[in-house]
Amino acid sequence: MTVQRERAVLALLPSLFALQLPSSARCRHPTLLFRQDASPEAACSVVPTLAFRKDDAPEAAVPDVALTRSRDGSTGTATFRFDNATVLSLDDVWDNGLLTGLWLRDEEGELHTRDLDVEFERGRPARVVAILVLKSVQVQQSQGVWGASRRRRACGQLCLRRGATRLAPCPDGPRPSAQEWQRFIRFMERYAEANDLSYVGGGRSGSREPGVD
């Protein structure tokens, strides 16, 4: 890339990322698209992936995924934080266009949110943050983080770390009842296994892994 082109891209990046989504889509309750293409028990024939454009190649960077719930348990929020995502390279936006959301794909189909933001450091894009809202969670002690780091995150009570097997069902307490929540947990189980992540529990009320019936 020439010096002139790099300067031009850097000058445009803040406005490009700011305008990538309509204001109505940049809210705390993004659209969640659910499509059931196969049964959850189907053999794993599709590698679970994340992507920032509908027809884009999978994102190589593995995010930290923070999981929180509302006080009344009616909604949950999964926050994906990508450090050094490949889509943040200067050539990517120039050649492939704006980021339009986050797609979570596996053999069951896809989940999708348009609540996307880009954080800048020293005038350059440093990380991508995507938020997926899950309704009617009804699950206890599920706040925390999935992540590739082996250390506890300052913001998290839970995290996924390298060397995991699978997420185990919660041995007691209320189970997630919403289809959206169950679907998300199934995706995270597959994504964690494919990326060699593990789940570490913690928090104010103790450590538990989110489970599904």
N, C-alpha and C. Protein backbone atom coordinates (compact mmCIF):
# COMPACT_ATOMS: atom_id res chain seq x y z
N MET A 1 0.84 -1.19 0.00
CA MET A 1 0.00 0.00 0.00
C MET A 1 0.88 1.24 0.00
N THR A 2 0.59 2.21 -0.85
CA THR A 2 1.38 3.42 -0.91
C THR A 2 1.11 4.29 0.30
N VAL A 3 2.04 5.22 0.56
CA VAL A 3 1.87 6.12 1.70
C VAL A 3 0.61 6.97 1.54
N GLN A 4 0.36 7.42 0.30
CA GLN A 4 -0.82 8.25 0.06
C GLN A 4 -2.11 7.47 0.33
N ARG A 5 -2.13 6.20 -0.10
CA ARG A 5 -3.34 5.41 0.10
C ARG A 5 -3.56 5.12 1.58
N GLU A 6 -2.48 4.83 2.29
CA GLU A 6 -2.61 4.56 3.73
C GLU A 6 -3.15 5.78 4.46
N ARG A 7 -2.63 6.96 4.11
CA ARG A 7 -3.11 8.18 4.76
C ARG A 7 -4.58 8.43 4.46
N ALA A 8 -4.97 8.14 3.22
CA ALA A 8 -6.36 8.35 2.83
C ALA A 8 -7.29 7.42 3.60
N VAL A 9 -6.88 6.14 3.75
CA VAL A 9 -7.71 5.19 4.48
C VAL A 9 -7.82 5.57 5.95
N LEU A 10 -6.68 5.94 6.57
CA LEU A 10 -6.70 6.33 7.98
C LEU A 10 -7.59 7.54 8.21
N ALA A 11 -7.58 8.47 7.27
CA ALA A 11 -8.40 9.66 7.41
C ALA A 11 -9.89 9.33 7.33
N LEU A 12 -10.23 8.31 6.55
CA LEU A 12 -11.63 7.96 6.35
C LEU A 12 -12.16 6.97 7.37
N LEU A 13 -11.28 6.22 8.06
CA LEU A 13 -11.73 5.14 8.93
C LEU A 13 -12.76 5.56 9.97
N PRO A 14 -12.52 6.63 10.75
CA PRO A 14 -13.53 6.98 11.76
C PRO A 14 -14.91 7.19 11.19
N SER A 15 -15.01 7.91 10.08
CA SER A 15 -16.32 8.16 9.49
C SER A 15 -16.90 6.91 8.86
N LEU A 16 -16.05 6.06 8.29
CA LEU A 16 -16.55 4.83 7.68
C LEU A 16 -17.18 3.92 8.72
N PHE A 17 -16.46 3.70 9.84
CA PHE A 17 -17.00 2.83 10.87
C PHE A 17 -18.20 3.46 11.56
N ALA A 18 -18.22 4.76 11.70
CA ALA A 18 -19.35 5.43 12.34
C ALA A 18 -20.60 5.33 11.50
N LEU A 19 -20.44 5.27 10.17
CA LEU A 19 -21.59 5.26 9.28
C LEU A 19 -21.96 3.87 8.79
N GLN A 20 -21.30 2.85 9.30
CA GLN A 20 -21.53 1.52 8.74
C GLN A 20 -22.92 0.97 9.05
N LEU A 21 -23.56 1.46 10.14
CA LEU A 21 -24.88 0.97 10.51
C LEU A 21 -25.82 2.14 10.73
N PRO A 22 -27.10 1.98 10.42
CA PRO A 22 -28.06 3.03 10.72
C PRO A 22 -28.19 3.22 12.22
N SER A 23 -28.55 4.43 12.66
CA SER A 23 -28.63 4.72 14.08
C SER A 23 -29.62 3.80 14.78
N SER A 24 -30.68 3.40 14.10
CA SER A 24 -31.67 2.53 14.72
C SER A 24 -31.12 1.16 15.02
N ALA A 25 -30.07 0.74 14.30
CA ALA A 25 -29.49 -0.58 14.52
C ALA A 25 -28.43 -0.56 15.60
N ARG A 26 -27.88 0.62 15.91
CA ARG A 26 -26.80 0.71 16.89
C ARG A 26 -27.40 0.93 18.28
N CYS A 27 -28.16 -0.03 18.75
CA CYS A 27 -28.80 0.08 20.04
C CYS A 27 -28.36 -1.10 20.90
N ARG A 28 -28.87 -1.14 22.12
CA ARG A 28 -28.49 -2.22 23.03
C ARG A 28 -29.33 -3.46 22.79
N HIS A 29 -30.26 -3.42 21.88
CA HIS A 29 -31.11 -4.58 21.59
C HIS A 29 -31.07 -4.87 20.10
N PRO A 30 -29.98 -5.44 19.60
CA PRO A 30 -29.85 -5.70 18.17
C PRO A 30 -30.78 -6.81 17.72
N THR A 31 -30.96 -6.86 16.42
CA THR A 31 -31.76 -7.91 15.84
C THR A 31 -31.06 -9.24 15.96
N LEU A 32 -31.77 -10.25 16.44
CA LEU A 32 -31.24 -11.60 16.54
C LEU A 32 -31.97 -12.47 15.54
N LEU A 33 -31.26 -12.92 14.54
CA LEU A 33 -31.86 -13.77 13.52
C LEU A 33 -31.56 -15.22 13.84
N PHE A 34 -32.59 -16.05 13.90
CA PHE A 34 -32.43 -17.46 14.22
C PHE A 34 -32.94 -18.31 13.07
N ARG A 35 -32.12 -19.25 12.62
CA ARG A 35 -32.54 -20.15 11.57
C ARG A 35 -32.12 -21.56 11.94
N GLN A 36 -33.07 -22.48 12.00
CA GLN A 36 -32.80 -23.86 12.35
C GLN A 36 -32.69 -24.67 11.07
N ASP A 37 -31.46 -24.98 10.66
CA ASP A 37 -31.24 -25.73 9.43
C ASP A 37 -31.00 -27.20 9.68
N ALA A 38 -30.71 -27.56 10.91
CA ALA A 38 -30.44 -28.96 11.24
C ALA A 38 -30.72 -29.16 12.71
N SER A 39 -30.92 -30.40 13.12
CA SER A 39 -31.17 -30.68 14.52
C SER A 39 -29.90 -30.50 15.33
N PRO A 40 -30.01 -30.13 16.62
CA PRO A 40 -28.81 -29.97 17.44
C PRO A 40 -28.01 -31.24 17.58
N GLU A 41 -28.67 -32.39 17.39
CA GLU A 41 -27.98 -33.66 17.55
C GLU A 41 -27.27 -34.11 16.28
N ALA A 42 -27.40 -33.34 15.21
CA ALA A 42 -26.78 -33.73 13.94
C ALA A 42 -25.27 -33.78 14.09
N ALA A 43 -24.65 -34.66 13.34
CA ALA A 43 -23.19 -34.78 13.37
C ALA A 43 -22.56 -33.47 12.94
N CYS A 44 -21.46 -33.12 13.62
CA CYS A 44 -20.81 -31.84 13.34
C CYS A 44 -20.10 -31.92 12.00
N SER A 45 -20.70 -31.32 10.99
CA SER A 45 -20.12 -31.35 9.65
C SER A 45 -19.67 -29.97 9.21
N VAL A 46 -20.02 -28.94 9.98
CA VAL A 46 -19.67 -27.57 9.64
C VAL A 46 -18.86 -26.98 10.79
N VAL A 47 -17.71 -26.43 10.48
CA VAL A 47 -16.88 -25.81 11.52
C VAL A 47 -17.55 -24.51 11.97
N PRO A 48 -17.78 -24.31 13.26
CA PRO A 48 -18.40 -23.07 13.72
C PRO A 48 -17.47 -21.88 13.49
N THR A 49 -18.02 -20.81 12.96
CA THR A 49 -17.21 -19.64 12.61
C THR A 49 -17.92 -18.35 13.00
N LEU A 50 -17.14 -17.28 13.01
CA LEU A 50 -17.64 -15.92 13.18
C LEU A 50 -17.19 -15.09 11.99
N ALA A 51 -18.04 -14.19 11.51
CA ALA A 51 -17.68 -13.34 10.37
C ALA A 51 -18.36 -11.99 10.51
N PHE A 52 -17.76 -10.95 9.92
CA PHE A 52 -18.28 -9.59 10.05
C PHE A 52 -19.07 -9.12 8.84
N ARG A 53 -19.15 -9.95 7.81
CA ARG A 53 -20.00 -9.66 6.65
C ARG A 53 -20.72 -10.95 6.29
N LYS A 54 -21.88 -10.83 5.68
CA LYS A 54 -22.72 -12.00 5.45
C LYS A 54 -22.01 -13.07 4.62
N ASP A 55 -21.31 -12.66 3.58
CA ASP A 55 -20.64 -13.63 2.71
C ASP A 55 -19.13 -13.59 2.88
N ASP A 56 -18.68 -13.12 4.04
CA ASP A 56 -17.25 -12.96 4.28
C ASP A 56 -16.62 -14.26 4.74
N ALA A 57 -15.29 -14.34 4.61
CA ALA A 57 -14.54 -15.47 5.14
C ALA A 57 -14.56 -15.41 6.66
N PRO A 58 -14.39 -16.55 7.34
CA PRO A 58 -14.40 -16.55 8.81
C PRO A 58 -13.30 -15.66 9.38
N GLU A 59 -13.61 -15.01 10.48
CA GLU A 59 -12.63 -14.19 11.18
C GLU A 59 -11.65 -15.11 11.92
N ALA A 60 -10.36 -14.86 11.71
CA ALA A 60 -9.33 -15.72 12.31
C ALA A 60 -9.11 -15.41 13.79
N ALA A 61 -9.31 -14.17 14.20
CA ALA A 61 -9.10 -13.80 15.60
C ALA A 61 -10.18 -14.42 16.48
N VAL A 62 -9.77 -15.00 17.61
CA VAL A 62 -10.71 -15.59 18.56
C VAL A 62 -11.05 -14.54 19.62
N PRO A 63 -12.33 -14.22 19.80
CA PRO A 63 -12.69 -13.13 20.72
C PRO A 63 -12.83 -13.60 22.16
N ASP A 64 -12.83 -12.63 23.07
CA ASP A 64 -13.35 -12.86 24.42
C ASP A 64 -14.85 -12.61 24.34
N VAL A 65 -15.63 -13.45 25.03
CA VAL A 65 -17.09 -13.32 24.97
C VAL A 65 -17.62 -13.14 26.39
N ALA A 66 -18.06 -11.94 26.72
CA ALA A 66 -18.59 -11.65 28.05
C ALA A 66 -20.08 -11.93 28.07
N LEU A 67 -20.53 -12.62 29.10
CA LEU A 67 -21.94 -13.00 29.21
C LEU A 67 -22.53 -12.40 30.47
N THR A 68 -23.58 -11.61 30.32
CA THR A 68 -24.26 -11.00 31.46
C THR A 68 -25.76 -11.21 31.32
N ARG A 69 -26.50 -10.95 32.40
CA ARG A 69 -27.95 -11.06 32.35
C ARG A 69 -28.57 -9.90 33.10
N SER A 70 -29.81 -9.60 32.78
CA SER A 70 -30.53 -8.54 33.47
C SER A 70 -30.91 -9.00 34.87
N ARG A 71 -31.23 -8.06 35.75
CA ARG A 71 -31.55 -8.41 37.13
C ARG A 71 -32.78 -9.30 37.24
N ASP A 72 -33.75 -9.09 36.36
CA ASP A 72 -34.95 -9.92 36.42
C ASP A 72 -34.81 -11.21 35.63
N GLY A 73 -33.65 -11.42 35.00
CA GLY A 73 -33.41 -12.66 34.28
C GLY A 73 -34.11 -12.77 32.95
N SER A 74 -34.72 -11.67 32.47
CA SER A 74 -35.50 -11.76 31.24
C SER A 74 -34.64 -11.69 29.98
N THR A 75 -33.46 -11.08 30.08
CA THR A 75 -32.58 -10.98 28.92
C THR A 75 -31.14 -11.25 29.32
N GLY A 76 -30.38 -11.73 28.37
CA GLY A 76 -28.95 -11.91 28.55
C GLY A 76 -28.22 -11.20 27.42
N THR A 77 -26.97 -10.85 27.66
CA THR A 77 -26.18 -10.14 26.66
C THR A 77 -24.84 -10.83 26.49
N ALA A 78 -24.51 -11.19 25.26
CA ALA A 78 -23.20 -11.74 24.93
C ALA A 78 -22.41 -10.66 24.19
N THR A 79 -21.29 -10.26 24.75
CA THR A 79 -20.45 -9.23 24.15
C THR A 79 -19.17 -9.85 23.62
N PHE A 80 -18.98 -9.80 22.31
CA PHE A 80 -17.80 -10.35 21.64
C PHE A 80 -16.78 -9.23 21.48
N ARG A 81 -15.57 -9.43 21.99
CA ARG A 81 -14.53 -8.42 21.91
C ARG A 81 -13.33 -9.01 21.15
N PHE A 82 -13.11 -8.51 19.94
CA PHE A 82 -12.04 -8.99 19.08
C PHE A 82 -10.86 -8.03 19.13
N ASP A 83 -9.72 -8.46 19.66
CA ASP A 83 -8.49 -7.68 19.60
C ASP A 83 -7.73 -8.06 18.34
N ASN A 84 -7.26 -7.06 17.62
CA ASN A 84 -6.46 -7.29 16.41
C ASN A 84 -7.19 -8.17 15.39
N ALA A 85 -8.47 -7.91 15.18
CA ALA A 85 -9.22 -8.66 14.17
C ALA A 85 -8.65 -8.39 12.78
N THR A 86 -8.68 -9.39 11.94
CA THR A 86 -8.11 -9.24 10.59
C THR A 86 -8.87 -8.20 9.77
N VAL A 87 -10.15 -8.01 10.07
CA VAL A 87 -10.94 -7.04 9.31
C VAL A 87 -10.55 -5.60 9.60
N LEU A 88 -9.70 -5.39 10.61
CA LEU A 88 -9.28 -4.04 10.94
C LEU A 88 -8.05 -3.59 10.16
N SER A 89 -7.52 -4.46 9.33
CA SER A 89 -6.39 -4.04 8.51
C SER A 89 -6.84 -2.98 7.52
N LEU A 90 -5.94 -2.10 7.13
CA LEU A 90 -6.30 -1.01 6.23
C LEU A 90 -6.80 -1.52 4.89
N ASP A 91 -6.19 -2.58 4.38
CA ASP A 91 -6.59 -3.12 3.09
C ASP A 91 -7.97 -3.76 3.12
N ASP A 92 -8.36 -4.34 4.27
CA ASP A 92 -9.62 -5.08 4.33
C ASP A 92 -10.81 -4.18 4.08
N VAL A 93 -10.91 -3.07 4.80
CA VAL A 93 -12.04 -2.16 4.60
C VAL A 93 -12.01 -1.56 3.21
N TRP A 94 -10.82 -1.24 2.73
CA TRP A 94 -10.69 -0.65 1.40
C TRP A 94 -11.14 -1.63 0.31
N ASP A 95 -10.75 -2.89 0.44
CA ASP A 95 -11.03 -3.88 -0.60
C ASP A 95 -12.38 -4.57 -0.45
N ASN A 96 -12.85 -4.79 0.80
CA ASN A 96 -14.03 -5.61 1.02
C ASN A 96 -15.25 -4.85 1.50
N GLY A 97 -15.09 -3.60 1.84
CA GLY A 97 -16.24 -2.81 2.25
C GLY A 97 -16.43 -2.76 3.76
N LEU A 98 -17.52 -2.12 4.17
CA LEU A 98 -17.79 -1.89 5.58
C LEU A 98 -18.20 -3.16 6.31
N LEU A 99 -17.98 -3.16 7.62
CA LEU A 99 -18.46 -4.25 8.46
C LEU A 99 -19.96 -4.06 8.66
N THR A 100 -20.73 -5.12 8.54
CA THR A 100 -22.19 -4.99 8.58
C THR A 100 -22.83 -5.73 9.74
N GLY A 101 -22.05 -6.36 10.61
CA GLY A 101 -22.61 -7.08 11.74
C GLY A 101 -21.70 -8.23 12.13
N LEU A 102 -22.23 -9.14 12.93
CA LEU A 102 -21.50 -10.35 13.30
C LEU A 102 -22.38 -11.55 13.03
N TRP A 103 -21.87 -12.51 12.26
CA TRP A 103 -22.57 -13.75 11.94
C TRP A 103 -21.92 -14.90 12.68
N LEU A 104 -22.73 -15.67 13.42
CA LEU A 104 -22.28 -16.87 14.12
C LEU A 104 -22.84 -18.06 13.35
N ARG A 105 -21.99 -18.87 12.77
CA ARG A 105 -22.46 -19.95 11.89
C ARG A 105 -21.98 -21.31 12.38
N ASP A 106 -22.87 -22.28 12.31
CA ASP A 106 -22.51 -23.68 12.55
C ASP A 106 -23.47 -24.56 11.78
N GLU A 107 -23.52 -25.87 12.12
CA GLU A 107 -24.35 -26.77 11.31
C GLU A 107 -25.84 -26.53 11.49
N GLU A 108 -26.25 -25.81 12.53
CA GLU A 108 -27.67 -25.51 12.73
C GLU A 108 -28.13 -24.30 11.92
N GLY A 109 -27.21 -23.50 11.45
CA GLY A 109 -27.59 -22.29 10.73
C GLY A 109 -26.76 -21.11 11.19
N GLU A 110 -27.41 -19.99 11.52
CA GLU A 110 -26.65 -18.81 11.91
C GLU A 110 -27.43 -17.95 12.89
N LEU A 111 -26.68 -17.24 13.72
CA LEU A 111 -27.18 -16.16 14.56
C LEU A 111 -26.55 -14.88 14.04
N HIS A 112 -27.23 -13.77 14.21
CA HIS A 112 -26.73 -12.53 13.59
C HIS A 112 -27.11 -11.33 14.45
N THR A 113 -26.18 -10.43 14.64
CA THR A 113 -26.46 -9.15 15.29
C THR A 113 -25.84 -8.03 14.48
N ARG A 114 -26.50 -6.87 14.47
CA ARG A 114 -25.97 -5.70 13.78
C ARG A 114 -25.41 -4.67 14.77
N ASP A 115 -25.43 -4.99 16.06
CA ASP A 115 -24.89 -4.08 17.06
C ASP A 115 -23.38 -4.24 17.08
N LEU A 116 -22.70 -3.39 16.37
CA LEU A 116 -21.26 -3.52 16.15
C LEU A 116 -20.59 -2.17 16.38
N ASP A 117 -19.43 -2.20 17.00
CA ASP A 117 -18.69 -0.97 17.24
C ASP A 117 -17.20 -1.24 17.07
N VAL A 118 -16.45 -0.21 16.72
CA VAL A 118 -15.00 -0.32 16.56
C VAL A 118 -14.34 0.65 17.52
N GLU A 119 -13.40 0.16 18.33
CA GLU A 119 -12.68 1.01 19.27
C GLU A 119 -11.33 1.40 18.66
N PHE A 120 -11.00 2.67 18.80
CA PHE A 120 -9.76 3.20 18.22
C PHE A 120 -8.74 3.51 19.31
N GLU A 121 -7.48 3.33 18.97
CA GLU A 121 -6.37 3.71 19.83
C GLU A 121 -5.34 4.45 18.99
N ARG A 122 -5.02 5.67 19.41
CA ARG A 122 -4.06 6.50 18.68
C ARG A 122 -4.46 6.69 17.22
N GLY A 123 -5.74 6.83 16.99
CA GLY A 123 -6.23 7.08 15.65
C GLY A 123 -6.35 5.87 14.76
N ARG A 124 -6.04 4.69 15.28
CA ARG A 124 -6.14 3.47 14.48
C ARG A 124 -7.13 2.50 15.11
N PRO A 125 -7.87 1.73 14.30
CA PRO A 125 -8.80 0.75 14.86
C PRO A 125 -8.06 -0.34 15.61
N ALA A 126 -8.46 -0.60 16.87
CA ALA A 126 -7.75 -1.56 17.71
C ALA A 126 -8.56 -2.82 17.97
N ARG A 127 -9.87 -2.70 18.08
CA ARG A 127 -10.68 -3.88 18.37
C ARG A 127 -12.11 -3.66 17.88
N VAL A 128 -12.78 -4.79 17.66
CA VAL A 128 -14.19 -4.77 17.26
C VAL A 128 -15.01 -5.35 18.41
N VAL A 129 -16.12 -4.71 18.73
CA VAL A 129 -17.01 -5.17 19.79
C VAL A 129 -18.40 -5.39 19.19
N ALA A 130 -18.93 -6.60 19.35
CA ALA A 130 -20.27 -6.92 18.87
C ALA A 130 -21.12 -7.37 20.05
N ILE A 131 -22.39 -6.97 20.06
CA ILE A 131 -23.29 -7.30 21.17
C ILE A 131 -24.48 -8.07 20.64
N LEU A 132 -24.73 -9.22 21.27
CA LEU A 132 -25.85 -10.08 20.91
C LEU A 132 -26.77 -10.19 22.11
N VAL A 133 -28.03 -9.77 21.97
CA VAL A 133 -29.00 -9.82 23.06
C VAL A 133 -29.81 -11.10 22.96
N LEU A 134 -29.92 -11.82 24.09
CA LEU A 134 -30.67 -13.07 24.17
C LEU A 134 -31.84 -12.84 25.11
N LYS A 135 -33.04 -13.11 24.66
CA LYS A 135 -34.23 -12.80 25.44
C LYS A 135 -34.68 -13.98 26.29
N SER A 136 -35.34 -13.64 27.42
CA SER A 136 -35.92 -14.63 28.32
C SER A 136 -34.91 -15.69 28.72
N VAL A 137 -33.80 -15.23 29.28
CA VAL A 137 -32.73 -16.16 29.65
C VAL A 137 -33.15 -17.05 30.81
N GLN A 138 -33.62 -16.46 31.93
CA GLN A 138 -34.06 -17.21 33.10
C GLN A 138 -33.01 -18.21 33.55
N VAL A 139 -31.82 -17.72 33.82
CA VAL A 139 -30.75 -18.60 34.29
C VAL A 139 -30.00 -17.88 35.40
N GLN A 140 -29.57 -18.61 36.42
CA GLN A 140 -28.88 -18.02 37.55
C GLN A 140 -27.37 -18.17 37.40
N GLN A 141 -26.63 -17.22 37.99
CA GLN A 141 -25.19 -17.31 38.13
C GLN A 141 -24.50 -17.58 36.79
N SER A 142 -24.89 -16.84 35.77
CA SER A 142 -24.35 -17.08 34.44
C SER A 142 -23.54 -15.90 33.92
N GLN A 143 -23.23 -14.94 34.81
CA GLN A 143 -22.51 -13.76 34.35
C GLN A 143 -21.03 -14.08 34.22
N GLY A 144 -20.39 -13.63 33.15
CA GLY A 144 -18.97 -13.86 33.02
C GLY A 144 -18.43 -13.69 31.63
N VAL A 145 -17.31 -14.35 31.35
CA VAL A 145 -16.57 -14.12 30.12
C VAL A 145 -16.07 -15.42 29.53
N TRP A 146 -16.17 -15.54 28.21
CA TRP A 146 -15.44 -16.54 27.46
C TRP A 146 -14.23 -15.85 26.86
N GLY A 147 -13.08 -16.47 26.92
CA GLY A 147 -11.91 -15.83 26.33
C GLY A 147 -10.75 -16.77 26.18
N ALA A 148 -9.79 -16.41 25.34
CA ALA A 148 -8.63 -17.25 25.09
C ALA A 148 -7.55 -17.04 26.14
N SER A 149 -7.67 -16.01 26.95
CA SER A 149 -6.64 -15.69 27.92
C SER A 149 -6.68 -16.66 29.10
N ARG A 150 -5.52 -16.96 29.66
CA ARG A 150 -5.44 -17.83 30.83
C ARG A 150 -5.60 -17.06 32.13
N ARG A 151 -5.61 -15.73 32.08
CA ARG A 151 -5.75 -14.95 33.30
C ARG A 151 -7.18 -14.42 33.41
N ARG A 152 -7.61 -14.13 34.62
CA ARG A 152 -8.93 -13.57 34.83
C ARG A 152 -9.00 -12.17 34.25
N ARG A 153 -10.06 -11.88 33.57
CA ARG A 153 -10.28 -10.54 33.05
C ARG A 153 -10.82 -9.65 34.16
N ALA A 154 -10.48 -8.37 34.10
CA ALA A 154 -10.94 -7.45 35.13
C ALA A 154 -12.45 -7.35 35.16
N CYS A 155 -13.09 -7.50 33.99
CA CYS A 155 -14.54 -7.32 33.91
C CYS A 155 -15.29 -8.62 34.08
N GLY A 156 -14.61 -9.74 34.18
CA GLY A 156 -15.29 -11.01 34.05
C GLY A 156 -15.28 -11.88 35.29
N GLN A 157 -16.32 -12.67 35.43
CA GLN A 157 -16.36 -13.69 36.45
C GLN A 157 -16.14 -15.08 35.86
N LEU A 158 -16.37 -15.22 34.58
CA LEU A 158 -16.20 -16.50 33.91
C LEU A 158 -15.37 -16.31 32.66
N CYS A 159 -14.65 -17.32 32.23
CA CYS A 159 -13.96 -17.20 30.95
C CYS A 159 -13.69 -18.56 30.36
N LEU A 160 -13.59 -18.59 29.06
CA LEU A 160 -13.16 -19.80 28.35
C LEU A 160 -11.67 -19.71 28.14
N ARG A 161 -10.95 -20.79 28.42
CA ARG A 161 -9.50 -20.77 28.29
C ARG A 161 -9.05 -21.94 27.42
N ARG A 162 -7.80 -21.89 27.03
CA ARG A 162 -7.23 -22.95 26.22
C ARG A 162 -7.26 -24.28 26.97
N GLY A 163 -7.56 -25.36 26.24
CA GLY A 163 -7.49 -26.69 26.81
C GLY A 163 -8.81 -27.24 27.32
N ALA A 164 -9.93 -26.72 26.81
CA ALA A 164 -11.23 -27.17 27.29
C ALA A 164 -11.65 -28.47 26.62
N THR A 165 -12.66 -29.09 27.20
CA THR A 165 -13.32 -30.21 26.53
C THR A 165 -14.66 -29.71 26.00
N ARG A 166 -15.68 -29.68 26.87
CA ARG A 166 -16.98 -29.13 26.49
C ARG A 166 -17.60 -28.45 27.70
N LEU A 167 -18.64 -27.67 27.46
CA LEU A 167 -19.39 -27.08 28.55
C LEU A 167 -20.32 -28.13 29.12
N ALA A 168 -20.34 -28.24 30.45
CA ALA A 168 -21.20 -29.22 31.10
C ALA A 168 -22.51 -28.56 31.53
N PRO A 169 -23.61 -29.34 31.59
CA PRO A 169 -24.87 -28.77 32.06
C PRO A 169 -24.76 -28.31 33.50
N CYS A 170 -25.48 -27.26 33.83
CA CYS A 170 -25.54 -26.78 35.20
C CYS A 170 -26.21 -27.85 36.06
N PRO A 171 -25.58 -28.31 37.15
CA PRO A 171 -26.11 -29.43 37.91
C PRO A 171 -27.41 -29.12 38.63
N ASP A 172 -27.64 -27.86 38.98
CA ASP A 172 -28.89 -27.53 39.66
C ASP A 172 -29.27 -26.10 39.34
N GLY A 173 -30.43 -25.68 39.82
CA GLY A 173 -30.89 -24.32 39.56
C GLY A 173 -31.68 -24.25 38.27
N PRO A 174 -32.31 -23.09 37.99
CA PRO A 174 -33.13 -22.92 36.79
C PRO A 174 -32.34 -23.15 35.52
N ARG A 175 -32.97 -23.76 34.55
CA ARG A 175 -32.35 -23.98 33.26
C ARG A 175 -32.77 -22.87 32.29
N PRO A 176 -31.93 -22.52 31.32
CA PRO A 176 -32.35 -21.58 30.29
C PRO A 176 -33.56 -22.13 29.55
N SER A 177 -34.60 -21.31 29.41
CA SER A 177 -35.81 -21.81 28.79
C SER A 177 -36.02 -21.26 27.39
N ALA A 178 -35.36 -20.16 27.05
CA ALA A 178 -35.60 -19.54 25.75
C ALA A 178 -34.83 -20.25 24.65
N GLN A 179 -35.45 -20.36 23.49
CA GLN A 179 -34.81 -21.00 22.36
C GLN A 179 -33.55 -20.25 21.95
N GLU A 180 -33.58 -18.93 22.01
CA GLU A 180 -32.41 -18.15 21.63
C GLU A 180 -31.22 -18.47 22.53
N TRP A 181 -31.46 -18.56 23.83
CA TRP A 181 -30.38 -18.85 24.77
C TRP A 181 -29.79 -20.23 24.52
N GLN A 182 -30.65 -21.22 24.38
CA GLN A 182 -30.18 -22.58 24.14
C GLN A 182 -29.38 -22.65 22.85
N ARG A 183 -29.86 -21.96 21.84
CA ARG A 183 -29.16 -21.95 20.55
C ARG A 183 -27.77 -21.34 20.70
N PHE A 184 -27.67 -20.24 21.43
CA PHE A 184 -26.38 -19.59 21.62
C PHE A 184 -25.40 -20.49 22.37
N ILE A 185 -25.87 -21.16 23.42
CA ILE A 185 -24.99 -22.04 24.19
C ILE A 185 -24.50 -23.19 23.33
N ARG A 186 -25.35 -23.73 22.47
CA ARG A 186 -24.90 -24.82 21.59
C ARG A 186 -23.80 -24.32 20.65
N PHE A 187 -23.99 -23.11 20.12
CA PHE A 187 -22.94 -22.56 19.26
C PHE A 187 -21.65 -22.39 20.03
N MET A 188 -21.72 -21.83 21.25
CA MET A 188 -20.51 -21.59 22.02
C MET A 188 -19.80 -22.88 22.39
N GLU A 189 -20.54 -23.94 22.66
CA GLU A 189 -19.92 -25.24 22.92
C GLU A 189 -19.09 -25.68 21.72
N ARG A 190 -19.68 -25.58 20.54
CA ARG A 190 -18.98 -26.00 19.32
C ARG A 190 -17.79 -25.09 19.03
N TYR A 191 -18.01 -23.78 19.18
CA TYR A 191 -16.93 -22.84 18.88
C TYR A 191 -15.77 -23.02 19.87
N ALA A 192 -16.09 -23.25 21.13
CA ALA A 192 -15.05 -23.46 22.14
C ALA A 192 -14.25 -24.72 21.84
N GLU A 193 -14.94 -25.78 21.47
CA GLU A 193 -14.24 -27.03 21.16
C GLU A 193 -13.36 -26.87 19.93
N ALA A 194 -13.85 -26.18 18.91
CA ALA A 194 -13.08 -26.00 17.68
C ALA A 194 -11.86 -25.12 17.89
N ASN A 195 -11.93 -24.22 18.86
CA ASN A 195 -10.83 -23.28 19.09
C ASN A 195 -10.05 -23.57 20.36
N ASP A 196 -10.27 -24.76 20.94
CA ASP A 196 -9.51 -25.22 22.10
C ASP A 196 -9.62 -24.23 23.26
N LEU A 197 -10.84 -23.84 23.58
CA LEU A 197 -11.10 -22.94 24.69
C LEU A 197 -11.71 -23.70 25.85
N SER A 198 -11.51 -23.20 27.06
CA SER A 198 -12.12 -23.81 28.23
C SER A 198 -12.93 -22.79 29.00
N TYR A 199 -13.78 -23.28 29.87
CA TYR A 199 -14.72 -22.43 30.60
C TYR A 199 -14.34 -22.41 32.07
N VAL A 200 -14.13 -21.22 32.63
CA VAL A 200 -13.76 -21.08 34.03
C VAL A 200 -14.82 -20.24 34.71
N GLY A 201 -15.44 -20.77 35.76
CA GLY A 201 -16.53 -20.07 36.42
C GLY A 201 -16.06 -19.25 37.59
N GLY A 202 -16.90 -18.29 37.97
CA GLY A 202 -16.62 -17.45 39.12
C GLY A 202 -17.71 -16.44 39.28
N GLY A 203 -17.57 -15.55 40.23
CA GLY A 203 -18.56 -14.49 40.43
C GLY A 203 -18.97 -14.35 41.86
N ARG A 204 -19.92 -13.46 42.07
CA ARG A 204 -20.34 -13.16 43.43
C ARG A 204 -21.04 -14.33 44.09
N SER A 205 -21.73 -15.15 43.30
CA SER A 205 -22.51 -16.24 43.89
C SER A 205 -21.87 -17.59 43.66
N GLY A 206 -20.64 -17.61 43.18
CA GLY A 206 -20.01 -18.88 42.94
C GLY A 206 -19.83 -19.13 41.47
N SER A 207 -19.27 -20.30 41.15
CA SER A 207 -18.93 -20.62 39.76
C SER A 207 -19.89 -21.65 39.21
N ARG A 208 -20.45 -21.32 38.05
CA ARG A 208 -21.30 -22.27 37.37
C ARG A 208 -21.11 -22.12 35.88
N GLU A 209 -21.27 -23.21 35.17
CA GLU A 209 -21.24 -23.17 33.73
C GLU A 209 -22.66 -23.11 33.21
N PRO A 210 -22.93 -22.29 32.20
CA PRO A 210 -24.29 -22.25 31.65
C PRO A 210 -24.63 -23.58 31.04
N GLY A 211 -25.81 -24.10 31.32
CA GLY A 211 -26.19 -25.40 30.79
C GLY A 211 -27.47 -25.34 30.02
N VAL A 212 -27.73 -26.34 29.23
CA VAL A 212 -28.98 -26.45 28.49
C VAL A 212 -29.54 -27.82 28.72
N ASP A 213 -30.86 -27.91 28.67
CA ASP A 213 -31.50 -29.22 28.84
C ASP A 213 -31.30 -30.08 27.62
